[in-house]
Amino acid sequence: MEGNRKKVYRIAGHMLVIGGSGTSELLERMGCFVPFLSEESSACPDLTIETDRILPSVPGILFYESFLEIGHLRIYKGKACFLCSLQSSDGYNSFHLLCFPGRRKVLTDSTSHPDLLRFGFWVAYNISFAMQRTIAIHASVITCNGKAVLFLGESGTGKSTHTRIWCEHISGAVLLNDDSPVVRITEGYPLVSGSPWSGKTPCYKNEAYPLIALVRLKQAPYNRISELSVLRALGAVYPSCPPELMGDIELSDAICMTISDVLQRVPVYILECLPDPDAAGLVYQTIFRS
């Protein structure tokens, strides 16, 4: 990578150096990575991503496959590496990434498809940092009074609606990320950071806050909140972690250890609720006034 083609990014405290002229230009045009650009030296990165490469042929075993809105995803495990293969829904675009977690390196070929690039980097980020107590969780997160609250739930449960109600009706509540915030254990404590991955809501903030609570949403004709036992809390949080990594024992174990660290410090609640301000007020009173 030539020096003038390198870009330094800082995501959830991890330094990434991304090289490759075509990819760097596409990242800047996309906008979601721009808030995470850093002026730091690229001498000691936590992860180096070399793009626009001709990838070597690596034998591997398929351990994850899914048909997503953006296309077809397959992940293979090779010797000390993972290969991520993405094919767009129309079949005209593809993107391949070769991840070496032990070497802190990712190699990719080229793509002009923004969604494939964005999602491919999300997969590579999770694979590369799972062993470092870092996971991107499927959640919508607000900050309030200098703390972060993660709202979990299946797609369509109303996470985005609930956090929007918070921002409209709870003084000081601000949206940090609406789809894939990053949780990282730092000195024993969980921090929540914004990320370049925020679903359909363009909310890309390079900020981090202590995690004060996790709340799993469940639609109901009433509003009721209950704190979960550790066992039930694990069952509430685990489904919101990247399913793309769960087929590998080492990655899955690393995620479970991170969840365990979170549960030692942070309460998890189940909120059975209506999509109304009273539900947001109930959570606020429980978490911030208890």
C-alpha atoms as a PDB file:
ATOM      1  CA  MET A   1       0.000   0.000   0.000  1.00  0.00           C
ATOM      2  CA  GLU A   2       1.418   3.323  -0.978  1.00  0.00           C
ATOM      3  CA  GLY A   3       1.422   5.954   1.737  1.00  0.00           C
ATOM      4  CA  ASN A   4      -0.945   8.346   0.011  1.00  0.00           C
ATOM      5  CA  ARG A   5      -3.505   5.561  -0.424  1.00  0.00           C
ATOM      6  CA  LYS A   6      -3.775   4.708   3.268  1.00  0.00           C
ATOM      7  CA  LYS A   7      -6.598   5.969   5.439  1.00  0.00           C
ATOM      8  CA  VAL A   8      -6.693   5.603   9.216  1.00  0.00           C
ATOM      9  CA  TYR A   9      -9.997   4.974  10.990  1.00  0.00           C
ATOM     10  CA  ARG A  10     -10.799   4.606  14.680  1.00  0.00           C
ATOM     11  CA  ILE A  11     -13.905   2.469  15.400  1.00  0.00           C
ATOM     12  CA  ALA A  12     -14.774   1.639  19.026  1.00  0.00           C
ATOM     13  CA  GLY A  13     -11.205   2.430  19.983  1.00  0.00           C
ATOM     14  CA  HIS A  14      -9.660   0.052  17.438  1.00  0.00           C
ATOM     15  CA  MET A  15      -7.363   1.596  14.838  1.00  0.00           C
ATOM     16  CA  LEU A  16      -7.884   0.392  11.277  1.00  0.00           C
ATOM     17  CA  VAL A  17      -5.624   1.238   8.362  1.00  0.00           C
ATOM     18  CA  ILE A  18      -7.406   0.770   5.037  1.00  0.00           C
ATOM     19  CA  GLY A  19      -5.430   0.946   1.812  1.00  0.00           C
ATOM     20  CA  GLY A  20      -6.448   0.925  -1.835  1.00  0.00           C
ATOM     21  CA  SER A  21      -7.272   3.949  -3.959  1.00  0.00           C
ATOM     22  CA  GLY A  22     -10.599   2.762  -5.355  1.00  0.00           C
ATOM     23  CA  THR A  23     -11.926   1.560  -2.022  1.00  0.00           C
ATOM     24  CA  SER A  24     -10.746   4.681  -0.153  1.00  0.00           C
ATOM     25  CA  GLU A  25     -12.591   6.884  -2.621  1.00  0.00           C
ATOM     26  CA  LEU A  26     -15.754   4.784  -2.333  1.00  0.00           C
ATOM     27  CA  LEU A  27     -15.634   4.910   1.485  1.00  0.00           C
ATOM     28  CA  GLU A  28     -15.464   8.694   1.405  1.00  0.00           C
ATOM     29  CA  ARG A  29     -18.350   8.921  -1.071  1.00  0.00           C
ATOM     30  CA  MET A  30     -20.471   6.628   1.103  1.00  0.00           C
ATOM     31  CA  GLY A  31     -20.106   9.010   4.036  1.00  0.00           C
ATOM     32  CA  CYS A  32     -20.745   6.519   6.836  1.00  0.00           C
ATOM     33  CA  PHE A  33     -17.025   5.944   7.472  1.00  0.00           C
ATOM     34  CA  VAL A  34     -16.024   9.625   7.302  1.00  0.00           C
ATOM     35  CA  PRO A  35     -16.759  10.451  10.998  1.00  0.00           C
ATOM     36  CA  PHE A  36     -14.325   7.683  11.949  1.00  0.00           C
ATOM     37  CA  LEU A  37     -11.375   9.040   9.973  1.00  0.00           C
ATOM     38  CA  SER A  38      -8.349   9.766  12.154  1.00  0.00           C
ATOM     39  CA  GLU A  39      -5.250  11.904  11.718  1.00  0.00           C
ATOM     40  CA  GLU A  40      -3.186   9.447  13.763  1.00  0.00           C
ATOM     41  CA  SER A  41      -0.059   7.804  12.455  1.00  0.00           C
ATOM     42  CA  SER A  42      -0.695   4.489  10.715  1.00  0.00           C
ATOM     43  CA  ALA A  43       2.439   2.913  12.202  1.00  0.00           C
ATOM     44  CA  CYS A  44       0.775   0.600  14.769  1.00  0.00           C
ATOM     45  CA  PRO A  45      -2.735  -0.361  13.614  1.00  0.00           C
ATOM     46  CA  ASP A  46      -4.953  -2.900  15.344  1.00  0.00           C
ATOM     47  CA  LEU A  47      -6.085  -4.073  11.909  1.00  0.00           C
ATOM     48  CA  THR A  48      -4.764  -3.539   8.392  1.00  0.00           C
ATOM     49  CA  ILE A  49      -7.175  -3.933   5.476  1.00  0.00           C
ATOM     50  CA  GLU A  50      -5.496  -4.164   2.090  1.00  0.00           C
ATOM     51  CA  THR A  51      -8.062  -3.742  -0.670  1.00  0.00           C
ATOM     52  CA  ASP A  52      -8.091  -4.033  -4.466  1.00  0.00           C
ATOM     53  CA  ARG A  53      -5.961  -7.186  -4.300  1.00  0.00           C
ATOM     54  CA  ILE A  54      -5.931 -10.432  -6.262  1.00  0.00           C
ATOM     55  CA  LEU A  55      -6.743 -12.919  -3.523  1.00  0.00           C
ATOM     56  CA  PRO A  56      -4.944 -16.250  -3.251  1.00  0.00           C
ATOM     57  CA  SER A  57      -6.948 -19.446  -3.482  1.00  0.00           C
ATOM     58  CA  VAL A  58      -7.493 -20.711   0.060  1.00  0.00           C
ATOM     59  CA  PRO A  59      -9.176 -24.051   0.829  1.00  0.00           C
ATOM     60  CA  GLY A  60     -11.822 -23.808   3.498  1.00  0.00           C
ATOM     61  CA  ILE A  61     -14.963 -25.327   4.993  1.00  0.00           C
ATOM     62  CA  LEU A  62     -18.272 -23.499   4.632  1.00  0.00           C
ATOM     63  CA  PHE A  63     -19.665 -22.757   8.098  1.00  0.00           C
ATOM     64  CA  TYR A  64     -22.174 -19.969   7.416  1.00  0.00           C
ATOM     65  CA  GLU A  65     -24.473 -19.151   4.513  1.00  0.00           C
ATOM     66  CA  SER A  66     -27.341 -16.689   4.251  1.00  0.00           C
ATOM     67  CA  PHE A  67     -29.459 -14.936   1.644  1.00  0.00           C
ATOM     68  CA  LEU A  68     -29.714 -11.298   2.705  1.00  0.00           C
ATOM     69  CA  GLU A  69     -31.474  -8.267   1.289  1.00  0.00           C
ATOM     70  CA  ILE A  70     -28.215  -7.170  -0.331  1.00  0.00           C
ATOM     71  CA  GLY A  71     -27.347 -10.631  -1.655  1.00  0.00           C
ATOM     72  CA  HIS A  72     -25.783 -14.011  -0.927  1.00  0.00           C
ATOM     73  CA  LEU A  73     -23.251 -14.371   1.915  1.00  0.00           C
ATOM     74  CA  ARG A  74     -20.966 -17.354   2.456  1.00  0.00           C
ATOM     75  CA  ILE A  75     -18.206 -17.638   5.067  1.00  0.00           C
ATOM     76  CA  TYR A  76     -15.536 -20.328   4.925  1.00  0.00           C
ATOM     77  CA  LYS A  77     -12.947 -21.245   7.540  1.00  0.00           C
ATOM     78  CA  GLY A  78      -9.472 -22.096   6.358  1.00  0.00           C
ATOM     79  CA  LYS A  79      -6.206 -22.624   8.196  1.00  0.00           C
ATOM     80  CA  ALA A  80      -5.812 -19.540  10.445  1.00  0.00           C
ATOM     81  CA  CYS A  81      -8.104 -17.519   8.190  1.00  0.00           C
ATOM     82  CA  PHE A  82     -11.697 -16.870   7.135  1.00  0.00           C
ATOM     83  CA  LEU A  83     -12.989 -16.195   3.630  1.00  0.00           C
ATOM     84  CA  CYS A  84     -16.104 -14.055   3.252  1.00  0.00           C
ATOM     85  CA  SER A  85     -17.833 -14.203  -0.143  1.00  0.00           C
ATOM     86  CA  LEU A  86     -20.600 -11.749  -1.058  1.00  0.00           C
ATOM     87  CA  GLN A  87     -22.688 -11.797  -4.239  1.00  0.00           C
ATOM     88  CA  SER A  88     -25.210  -9.023  -4.908  1.00  0.00           C
ATOM     89  CA  SER A  89     -28.886  -9.900  -5.325  1.00  0.00           C
ATOM     90  CA  ASP A  90     -28.811  -9.124  -9.044  1.00  0.00           C
ATOM     91  CA  GLY A  91     -25.745 -11.329  -9.518  1.00  0.00           C
ATOM     92  CA  TYR A  92     -23.713  -8.591 -11.190  1.00  0.00           C
ATOM     93  CA  ASN A  93     -21.466  -7.589  -8.272  1.00  0.00           C
ATOM     94  CA  SER A  94     -19.323  -9.490  -5.813  1.00  0.00           C
ATOM     95  CA  PHE A  95     -16.880  -8.826  -2.985  1.00  0.00           C
ATOM     96  CA  HIS A  96     -14.447 -11.191  -1.276  1.00  0.00           C
ATOM     97  CA  LEU A  97     -12.521 -10.725   1.957  1.00  0.00           C
ATOM     98  CA  LEU A  98      -9.780 -12.902   3.426  1.00  0.00           C
ATOM     99  CA  CYS A  99      -9.443 -12.363   7.186  1.00  0.00           C
ATOM    100  CA  PHE A 100      -6.384 -13.347   9.234  1.00  0.00           C
ATOM    101  CA  PRO A 101      -7.335 -12.541  12.879  1.00  0.00           C
ATOM    102  CA  GLY A 102      -4.018 -13.762  14.280  1.00  0.00           C
ATOM    103  CA  ARG A 103      -2.085 -11.496  11.915  1.00  0.00           C
ATOM    104  CA  ARG A 104      -4.457  -8.536  12.316  1.00  0.00           C
ATOM    105  CA  LYS A 105      -4.857  -8.369   8.565  1.00  0.00           C
ATOM    106  CA  VAL A 106      -7.652  -8.494   5.987  1.00  0.00           C
ATOM    107  CA  LEU A 107      -7.161  -8.780   2.232  1.00  0.00           C
ATOM    108  CA  THR A 108      -9.979  -7.950  -0.182  1.00  0.00           C
ATOM    109  CA  ASP A 109     -10.574  -7.767  -3.894  1.00  0.00           C
ATOM    110  CA  SER A 110     -12.330  -4.784  -5.497  1.00  0.00           C
ATOM    111  CA  THR A 111     -15.985  -3.792  -5.569  1.00  0.00           C
ATOM    112  CA  SER A 112     -17.914  -0.729  -6.674  1.00  0.00           C
ATOM    113  CA  HIS A 113     -21.019  -1.841  -4.772  1.00  0.00           C
ATOM    114  CA  PRO A 114     -21.410   0.294  -1.584  1.00  0.00           C
ATOM    115  CA  ASP A 115     -23.671  -2.151   0.258  1.00  0.00           C
ATOM    116  CA  LEU A 116     -21.339  -5.091  -0.327  1.00  0.00           C
ATOM    117  CA  LEU A 117     -18.358  -3.032   0.820  1.00  0.00           C
ATOM    118  CA  ARG A 118     -20.125  -1.789   3.936  1.00  0.00           C
ATOM    119  CA  PHE A 119     -21.396  -5.213   4.959  1.00  0.00           C
ATOM    120  CA  GLY A 120     -18.170  -6.993   4.052  1.00  0.00           C
ATOM    121  CA  PHE A 121     -16.214  -4.636   6.299  1.00  0.00           C
ATOM    122  CA  TRP A 122     -18.759  -5.265   9.079  1.00  0.00           C
ATOM    123  CA  VAL A 123     -18.142  -9.017   8.866  1.00  0.00           C
ATOM    124  CA  ALA A 124     -14.367  -8.517   8.744  1.00  0.00           C
ATOM    125  CA  TYR A 125     -14.465  -6.158  11.740  1.00  0.00           C
ATOM    126  CA  ASN A 126     -16.410  -8.675  13.830  1.00  0.00           C
ATOM    127  CA  ILE A 127     -14.175 -11.598  12.894  1.00  0.00           C
ATOM    128  CA  SER A 128     -11.014  -9.587  13.532  1.00  0.00           C
ATOM    129  CA  PHE A 129     -11.974  -8.205  16.953  1.00  0.00           C
ATOM    130  CA  ALA A 130     -14.210 -10.902  18.467  1.00  0.00           C
ATOM    131  CA  MET A 131     -11.234 -12.269  20.409  1.00  0.00           C
ATOM    132  CA  GLN A 132     -10.588  -8.794  21.811  1.00  0.00           C
ATOM    133  CA  ARG A 133     -13.863  -8.528  23.743  1.00  0.00           C
ATOM    134  CA  THR A 134     -15.543  -6.570  20.955  1.00  0.00           C
ATOM    135  CA  ILE A 135     -18.870  -7.307  19.265  1.00  0.00           C
ATOM    136  CA  ALA A 136     -21.290  -5.376  17.073  1.00  0.00           C
ATOM    137  CA  ILE A 137     -24.764  -5.987  18.485  1.00  0.00           C
ATOM    138  CA  HIS A 138     -28.023  -5.770  16.520  1.00  0.00           C
ATOM    139  CA  ALA A 139     -29.661  -3.009  18.549  1.00  0.00           C
ATOM    140  CA  SER A 140     -30.803   0.579  18.653  1.00  0.00           C
ATOM    141  CA  VAL A 141     -29.001   2.626  21.299  1.00  0.00           C
ATOM    142  CA  ILE A 142     -29.672   5.954  22.966  1.00  0.00           C
ATOM    143  CA  THR A 143     -27.495   7.998  25.260  1.00  0.00           C
ATOM    144  CA  CYS A 144     -28.892   9.905  28.207  1.00  0.00           C
ATOM    145  CA  ASN A 145     -27.138  11.540  31.151  1.00  0.00           C
ATOM    146  CA  GLY A 146     -23.798  10.377  29.762  1.00  0.00           C
ATOM    147  CA  LYS A 147     -24.805   6.688  29.721  1.00  0.00           C
ATOM    148  CA  ALA A 148     -25.920   4.303  26.970  1.00  0.00           C
ATOM    149  CA  VAL A 149     -28.963   2.031  26.876  1.00  0.00           C
ATOM    150  CA  LEU A 150     -29.183  -0.768  24.289  1.00  0.00           C
ATOM    151  CA  PHE A 151     -32.602  -1.801  22.996  1.00  0.00           C
ATOM    152  CA  LEU A 152     -32.683  -5.329  21.594  1.00  0.00           C
ATOM    153  CA  GLY A 153     -35.287  -7.313  19.686  1.00  0.00           C
ATOM    154  CA  GLU A 154     -36.068  -9.147  16.498  1.00  0.00           C
ATOM    155  CA  SER A 155     -36.409  -7.124  13.303  1.00  0.00           C
ATOM    156  CA  GLY A 156     -39.819  -5.459  13.289  1.00  0.00           C
ATOM    157  CA  THR A 157     -40.155  -5.447  17.080  1.00  0.00           C
ATOM    158  CA  GLY A 158     -40.041  -1.661  17.219  1.00  0.00           C
ATOM    159  CA  LYS A 159     -36.509  -0.839  18.388  1.00  0.00           C
ATOM    160  CA  SER A 160     -36.187   2.214  16.144  1.00  0.00           C
ATOM    161  CA  THR A 161     -39.683   3.382  17.060  1.00  0.00           C
ATOM    162  CA  HIS A 162     -38.912   3.088  20.764  1.00  0.00           C
ATOM    163  CA  THR A 163     -35.636   5.025  20.578  1.00  0.00           C
ATOM    164  CA  ARG A 164     -37.318   7.691  18.416  1.00  0.00           C
ATOM    165  CA  ILE A 165     -39.936   8.094  21.160  1.00  0.00           C
ATOM    166  CA  TRP A 166     -37.121   8.447  23.685  1.00  0.00           C
ATOM    167  CA  CYS A 167     -35.518  11.219  21.654  1.00  0.00           C
ATOM    168  CA  GLU A 168     -38.857  13.017  21.310  1.00  0.00           C
ATOM    169  CA  HIS A 169     -40.095  12.694  24.898  1.00  0.00           C
ATOM    170  CA  ILE A 170     -37.144  12.089  27.252  1.00  0.00           C
ATOM    171  CA  SER A 171     -35.050  15.161  27.997  1.00  0.00           C
ATOM    172  CA  GLY A 172     -31.401  14.678  27.023  1.00  0.00           C
ATOM    173  CA  ALA A 173     -31.948  11.423  25.106  1.00  0.00           C
ATOM    174  CA  VAL A 174     -29.978  11.208  21.846  1.00  0.00           C
ATOM    175  CA  LEU A 175     -29.695   8.411  19.294  1.00  0.00           C
ATOM    176  CA  LEU A 176     -26.167   6.978  19.059  1.00  0.00           C
ATOM    177  CA  ASN A 177     -26.742   4.192  16.519  1.00  0.00           C
ATOM    178  CA  ASP A 178     -29.833   2.519  15.082  1.00  0.00           C
ATOM    179  CA  ASP A 179     -28.661  -0.917  13.994  1.00  0.00           C
ATOM    180  CA  SER A 180     -25.167  -2.093  14.921  1.00  0.00           C
ATOM    181  CA  PRO A 181     -23.452  -0.316  17.824  1.00  0.00           C
ATOM    182  CA  VAL A 182     -20.199  -1.833  19.048  1.00  0.00           C
ATOM    183  CA  VAL A 183     -19.836  -3.127  22.601  1.00  0.00           C
ATOM    184  CA  ARG A 184     -16.277  -3.415  23.856  1.00  0.00           C
ATOM    185  CA  ILE A 185     -14.991  -4.460  27.263  1.00  0.00           C
ATOM    186  CA  THR A 186     -12.417  -1.894  28.362  1.00  0.00           C
ATOM    187  CA  GLU A 187     -10.638  -2.395  31.693  1.00  0.00           C
ATOM    188  CA  GLY A 188     -13.439  -4.713  32.759  1.00  0.00           C
ATOM    189  CA  TYR A 189     -16.278  -2.342  31.900  1.00  0.00           C
ATOM    190  CA  PRO A 190     -18.530  -2.370  28.808  1.00  0.00           C
ATOM    191  CA  LEU A 191     -18.471   0.685  26.567  1.00  0.00           C
ATOM    192  CA  VAL A 192     -20.887   1.263  23.689  1.00  0.00           C
ATOM    193  CA  SER A 193     -19.630   3.055  20.585  1.00  0.00           C
ATOM    194  CA  GLY A 194     -21.247   4.349  17.457  1.00  0.00           C
ATOM    195  CA  SER A 195     -20.210   2.702  14.211  1.00  0.00           C
ATOM    196  CA  PRO A 196     -20.347   3.120  10.422  1.00  0.00           C
ATOM    197  CA  TRP A 197     -23.165   0.554  10.409  1.00  0.00           C
ATOM    198  CA  SER A 198     -26.534   2.029  11.351  1.00  0.00           C
ATOM    199  CA  GLY A 199     -29.054   0.331   9.085  1.00  0.00           C
ATOM    200  CA  LYS A 200     -31.496   2.601   7.272  1.00  0.00           C
ATOM    201  CA  THR A 201     -30.979   5.466   9.721  1.00  0.00           C
ATOM    202  CA  PRO A 202     -27.910   7.588   8.858  1.00  0.00           C
ATOM    203  CA  CYS A 203     -26.565   7.967  12.396  1.00  0.00           C
ATOM    204  CA  TYR A 204     -22.773   7.607  12.311  1.00  0.00           C
ATOM    205  CA  LYS A 205     -21.236   8.993  15.496  1.00  0.00           C
ATOM    206  CA  ASN A 206     -17.678   8.426  16.637  1.00  0.00           C
ATOM    207  CA  GLU A 207     -18.593   8.501  20.322  1.00  0.00           C
ATOM    208  CA  ALA A 208     -18.438   6.031  23.216  1.00  0.00           C
ATOM    209  CA  TYR A 209     -20.408   5.792  26.471  1.00  0.00           C
ATOM    210  CA  PRO A 210     -20.581   3.461  29.479  1.00  0.00           C
ATOM    211  CA  LEU A 211     -23.334   0.870  29.096  1.00  0.00           C
ATOM    212  CA  ILE A 212     -25.891   1.182  31.880  1.00  0.00           C
ATOM    213  CA  ALA A 213     -28.586  -1.287  30.755  1.00  0.00           C
ATOM    214  CA  LEU A 214     -29.846  -3.590  28.013  1.00  0.00           C
ATOM    215  CA  VAL A 215     -33.568  -3.815  27.303  1.00  0.00           C
ATOM    216  CA  ARG A 216     -35.165  -6.483  25.118  1.00  0.00           C
ATOM    217  CA  LEU A 217     -38.450  -5.347  23.601  1.00  0.00           C
ATOM    218  CA  LYS A 218     -41.567  -7.461  23.285  1.00  0.00           C
ATOM    219  CA  GLN A 219     -44.768  -6.081  21.800  1.00  0.00           C
ATOM    220  CA  ALA A 220     -47.743  -6.189  24.175  1.00  0.00           C
ATOM    221  CA  PRO A 221     -51.072  -4.389  24.797  1.00  0.00           C
ATOM    222  CA  TYR A 222     -49.626  -2.961  28.026  1.00  0.00           C
ATOM    223  CA  ASN A 223     -46.352  -1.578  29.436  1.00  0.00           C
ATOM    224  CA  ARG A 224     -44.388  -3.685  31.916  1.00  0.00           C
ATOM    225  CA  ILE A 225     -40.665  -4.005  32.619  1.00  0.00           C
ATOM    226  CA  SER A 226     -38.884  -6.799  34.496  1.00  0.00           C
ATOM    227  CA  GLU A 227     -35.229  -7.431  35.282  1.00  0.00           C
ATOM    228  CA  LEU A 228     -34.003 -10.799  34.030  1.00  0.00           C
ATOM    229  CA  SER A 229     -31.980 -13.431  35.836  1.00  0.00           C
ATOM    230  CA  VAL A 230     -28.478 -14.042  34.492  1.00  0.00           C
ATOM    231  CA  LEU A 231     -29.588 -17.157  32.605  1.00  0.00           C
ATOM    232  CA  ARG A 232     -32.566 -15.415  30.997  1.00  0.00           C
ATOM    233  CA  ALA A 233     -30.409 -12.360  30.320  1.00  0.00           C
ATOM    234  CA  LEU A 234     -27.987 -14.514  28.344  1.00  0.00           C
ATOM    235  CA  GLY A 235     -30.918 -15.812  26.307  1.00  0.00           C
ATOM    236  CA  ALA A 236     -32.067 -12.242  25.683  1.00  0.00           C
ATOM    237  CA  VAL A 237     -28.696 -10.903  24.527  1.00  0.00           C
ATOM    238  CA  TYR A 238     -27.210 -13.843  22.599  1.00  0.00           C
ATOM    239  CA  PRO A 239     -29.668 -13.714  19.637  1.00  0.00           C
ATOM    240  CA  SER A 240     -28.669 -10.095  18.968  1.00  0.00           C
ATOM    241  CA  CYS A 241     -25.006 -11.005  18.448  1.00  0.00           C
ATOM    242  CA  PRO A 242     -23.655 -11.631  14.928  1.00  0.00           C
ATOM    243  CA  PRO A 243     -25.068 -14.976  13.688  1.00  0.00           C
ATOM    244  CA  GLU A 244     -22.366 -14.936  11.012  1.00  0.00           C
ATOM    245  CA  LEU A 245     -19.796 -15.842  13.684  1.00  0.00           C
ATOM    246  CA  MET A 246     -21.735 -18.438  15.658  1.00  0.00           C
ATOM    247  CA  GLY A 247     -20.836 -21.351  13.390  1.00  0.00           C
ATOM    248  CA  ASP A 248     -17.207 -21.185  14.524  1.00  0.00           C
ATOM    249  CA  ILE A 249     -16.443 -22.503  18.002  1.00  0.00           C
ATOM    250  CA  GLU A 250     -13.622 -20.068  18.796  1.00  0.00           C
ATOM    251  CA  LEU A 251     -15.546 -16.994  17.632  1.00  0.00           C
ATOM    252  CA  SER A 252     -18.727 -18.133  19.371  1.00  0.00           C
ATOM    253  CA  ASP A 253     -16.843 -18.768  22.621  1.00  0.00           C
ATOM    254  CA  ALA A 254     -15.262 -15.312  22.409  1.00  0.00           C
ATOM    255  CA  ILE A 255     -18.679 -13.703  21.971  1.00  0.00           C
ATOM    256  CA  CYS A 256     -20.069 -15.644  24.934  1.00  0.00           C
ATOM    257  CA  MET A 257     -17.162 -14.469  27.095  1.00  0.00           C
ATOM    258  CA  THR A 258     -17.866 -10.867  26.106  1.00  0.00           C
ATOM    259  CA  ILE A 259     -21.554 -11.294  26.931  1.00  0.00           C
ATOM    260  CA  SER A 260     -20.561 -12.810  30.288  1.00  0.00           C
ATOM    261  CA  ASP A 261     -18.405  -9.766  31.034  1.00  0.00           C
ATOM    262  CA  VAL A 262     -21.346  -7.498  30.186  1.00  0.00           C
ATOM    263  CA  LEU A 263     -23.798  -9.426  32.375  1.00  0.00           C
ATOM    264  CA  GLN A 264     -21.465  -9.177  35.370  1.00  0.00           C
ATOM    265  CA  ARG A 265     -21.706  -5.392  35.225  1.00  0.00           C
ATOM    266  CA  VAL A 266     -24.993  -4.454  33.566  1.00  0.00           C
ATOM    267  CA  PRO A 267     -28.654  -5.400  34.196  1.00  0.00           C
ATOM    268  CA  VAL A 268     -30.829  -6.776  31.404  1.00  0.00           C
ATOM    269  CA  TYR A 269     -34.564  -6.107  31.273  1.00  0.00           C
ATOM    270  CA  ILE A 270     -37.524  -7.356  29.263  1.00  0.00           C
ATOM    271  CA  LEU A 271     -39.929  -4.590  28.264  1.00  0.00           C
ATOM    272  CA  GLU A 272     -43.399  -5.700  27.236  1.00  0.00           C
ATOM    273  CA  CYS A 273     -44.761  -2.559  25.703  1.00  0.00           C
ATOM    274  CA  LEU A 274     -46.884  -0.419  23.468  1.00  0.00           C
ATOM    275  CA  PRO A 275     -45.178   2.010  21.058  1.00  0.00           C
ATOM    276  CA  ASP A 276     -45.956   5.025  23.224  1.00  0.00           C
ATOM    277  CA  PRO A 277     -44.231   7.621  25.457  1.00  0.00           C
ATOM    278  CA  ASP A 278     -45.374   5.847  28.618  1.00  0.00           C
ATOM    279  CA  ALA A 279     -43.197   2.852  27.707  1.00  0.00           C
ATOM    280  CA  ALA A 280     -40.151   5.087  27.284  1.00  0.00           C
ATOM    281  CA  GLY A 281     -40.945   6.836  30.564  1.00  0.00           C
ATOM    282  CA  LEU A 282     -41.222   3.506  32.362  1.00  0.00           C
ATOM    283  CA  VAL A 283     -37.767   2.437  31.185  1.00  0.00           C
ATOM    284  CA  TYR A 284     -36.280   5.818  32.073  1.00  0.00           C
ATOM    285  CA  GLN A 285     -37.712   5.701  35.591  1.00  0.00           C
ATOM    286  CA  THR A 286     -36.486   2.129  36.083  1.00  0.00           C
ATOM    287  CA  ILE A 287     -32.937   2.694  34.865  1.00  0.00           C
ATOM    288  CA  PHE A 288     -32.117   6.277  35.780  1.00  0.00           C
ATOM    289  CA  ARG A 289     -34.274   6.833  38.879  1.00  0.00           C
ATOM    290  CA  SER A 290     -33.896   3.471  40.627  1.00  0.00           C
END
